[in-house]
Amino acid sequence: MNRHLHFHLSHYLLLVLLLSFGVATIFNFAGNQEKQFLAAVITSLIYFLWGIIHHRLEGDLHPKVVVEYLLIALLAVLLLRGAIYR
């Protein structure tokens, strides 16, 4: 397998596993809004950090990329906050 393709597949597989664990944790804390929200914030933080690390290793980390990952993570937190505290 192409080394570059293996690099991307392993990174994205890790991302899918991390996000799946975060979603499962949110569902696991059903009935406890504070823990659900904390799980959402931590999952979003992990997503943000994953993006920074991934692009740093890829060699194309720029401020624009950092802002993009930060905004997506914040949007996810805001949407999940609305869903959790409805």
Protein backbone atom coordinates (compact mmCIF):
# COMPACT_ATOMS: atom_id res chain seq x y z
CA MET A 1 0.00 0.00 0.00
CA ASN A 2 1.18 3.50 -0.79
CA ARG A 3 2.86 5.06 2.28
CA HIS A 4 0.95 8.33 1.87
CA LEU A 5 -2.37 6.50 1.61
CA HIS A 6 -1.54 4.40 4.69
CA PHE A 7 -0.68 7.62 6.57
CA HIS A 8 -4.08 9.12 5.76
CA LEU A 9 -6.06 5.96 6.41
CA SER A 10 -4.49 5.48 9.83
CA HIS A 11 -5.11 9.11 10.78
CA TYR A 12 -8.71 9.12 9.64
CA LEU A 13 -9.39 5.76 11.26
CA LEU A 14 -8.12 7.22 14.53
CA LEU A 15 -10.39 10.25 14.05
CA VAL A 16 -13.42 8.04 13.41
CA LEU A 17 -12.64 5.99 16.53
CA LEU A 18 -12.18 9.09 18.69
CA LEU A 19 -15.38 10.72 17.46
CA SER A 20 -17.31 7.46 17.79
CA PHE A 21 -16.12 7.11 21.37
CA GLY A 22 -17.19 10.70 22.05
CA VAL A 23 -20.66 10.15 20.61
CA ALA A 24 -21.03 6.88 22.54
CA THR A 25 -19.99 8.69 25.72
CA ILE A 26 -22.59 11.40 25.14
CA PHE A 27 -25.30 8.74 24.72
CA ASN A 28 -23.98 6.83 27.73
CA PHE A 29 -24.52 9.90 29.92
CA ALA A 30 -28.18 10.27 28.87
CA GLY A 31 -30.03 11.89 31.73
CA ASN A 32 -26.98 13.78 33.02
CA GLN A 33 -26.78 16.98 31.01
CA GLU A 34 -23.60 18.27 32.63
CA LYS A 35 -21.67 15.10 31.83
CA GLN A 36 -23.10 15.00 28.31
CA PHE A 37 -22.00 18.57 27.70
CA LEU A 38 -18.56 17.90 29.16
CA ALA A 39 -18.21 14.87 26.86
CA ALA A 40 -19.21 17.06 23.91
CA VAL A 41 -16.62 19.71 24.83
CA ILE A 42 -13.87 17.13 25.30
CA THR A 43 -14.76 15.41 22.01
CA SER A 44 -14.64 18.76 20.21
CA LEU A 45 -11.29 19.57 21.81
CA ILE A 46 -9.93 16.18 20.70
CA TYR A 47 -11.18 16.89 17.16
CA PHE A 48 -9.45 20.28 17.19
CA LEU A 49 -6.18 18.82 18.47
CA TRP A 50 -6.36 15.93 16.00
CA GLY A 51 -6.68 18.42 13.14
CA ILE A 52 -3.70 20.45 14.31
CA ILE A 53 -1.52 17.36 14.78
CA HIS A 54 -2.61 15.84 11.47
CA HIS A 55 -1.84 18.96 9.47
CA ARG A 56 1.44 19.50 11.33
CA LEU A 57 2.56 15.99 10.40
CA GLU A 58 1.30 16.53 6.86
CA GLY A 59 3.37 19.72 6.65
CA ASP A 60 0.53 22.03 5.73
CA LEU A 61 -0.44 23.59 9.05
CA HIS A 62 -1.38 27.22 8.53
CA PRO A 63 -3.31 29.69 10.69
CA LYS A 64 -6.27 29.36 8.32
CA VAL A 65 -6.42 25.60 9.04
CA VAL A 66 -6.27 26.21 12.81
CA VAL A 67 -9.13 28.71 12.60
CA GLU A 68 -11.18 26.32 10.49
CA TYR A 69 -10.82 23.44 12.95
CA LEU A 70 -11.51 25.78 15.87
CA LEU A 71 -14.69 27.13 14.28
CA ILE A 72 -16.00 23.66 13.42
CA ALA A 73 -15.29 22.47 16.99
CA LEU A 74 -17.05 25.52 18.46
CA LEU A 75 -20.02 25.07 16.14
CA ALA A 76 -20.32 21.44 17.23
CA VAL A 77 -20.25 22.48 20.91
CA LEU A 78 -22.93 25.11 20.35
CA LEU A 79 -25.19 22.72 18.44
CA LEU A 80 -24.74 19.94 20.97
CA ARG A 81 -25.35 22.39 23.82
CA GLY A 82 -28.66 23.29 22.23
CA ALA A 83 -29.57 19.62 21.81
CA ILE A 84 -28.51 18.64 25.33
CA TYR A 85 -30.12 21.56 27.20
CA ARG A 86 -33.31 21.73 25.12
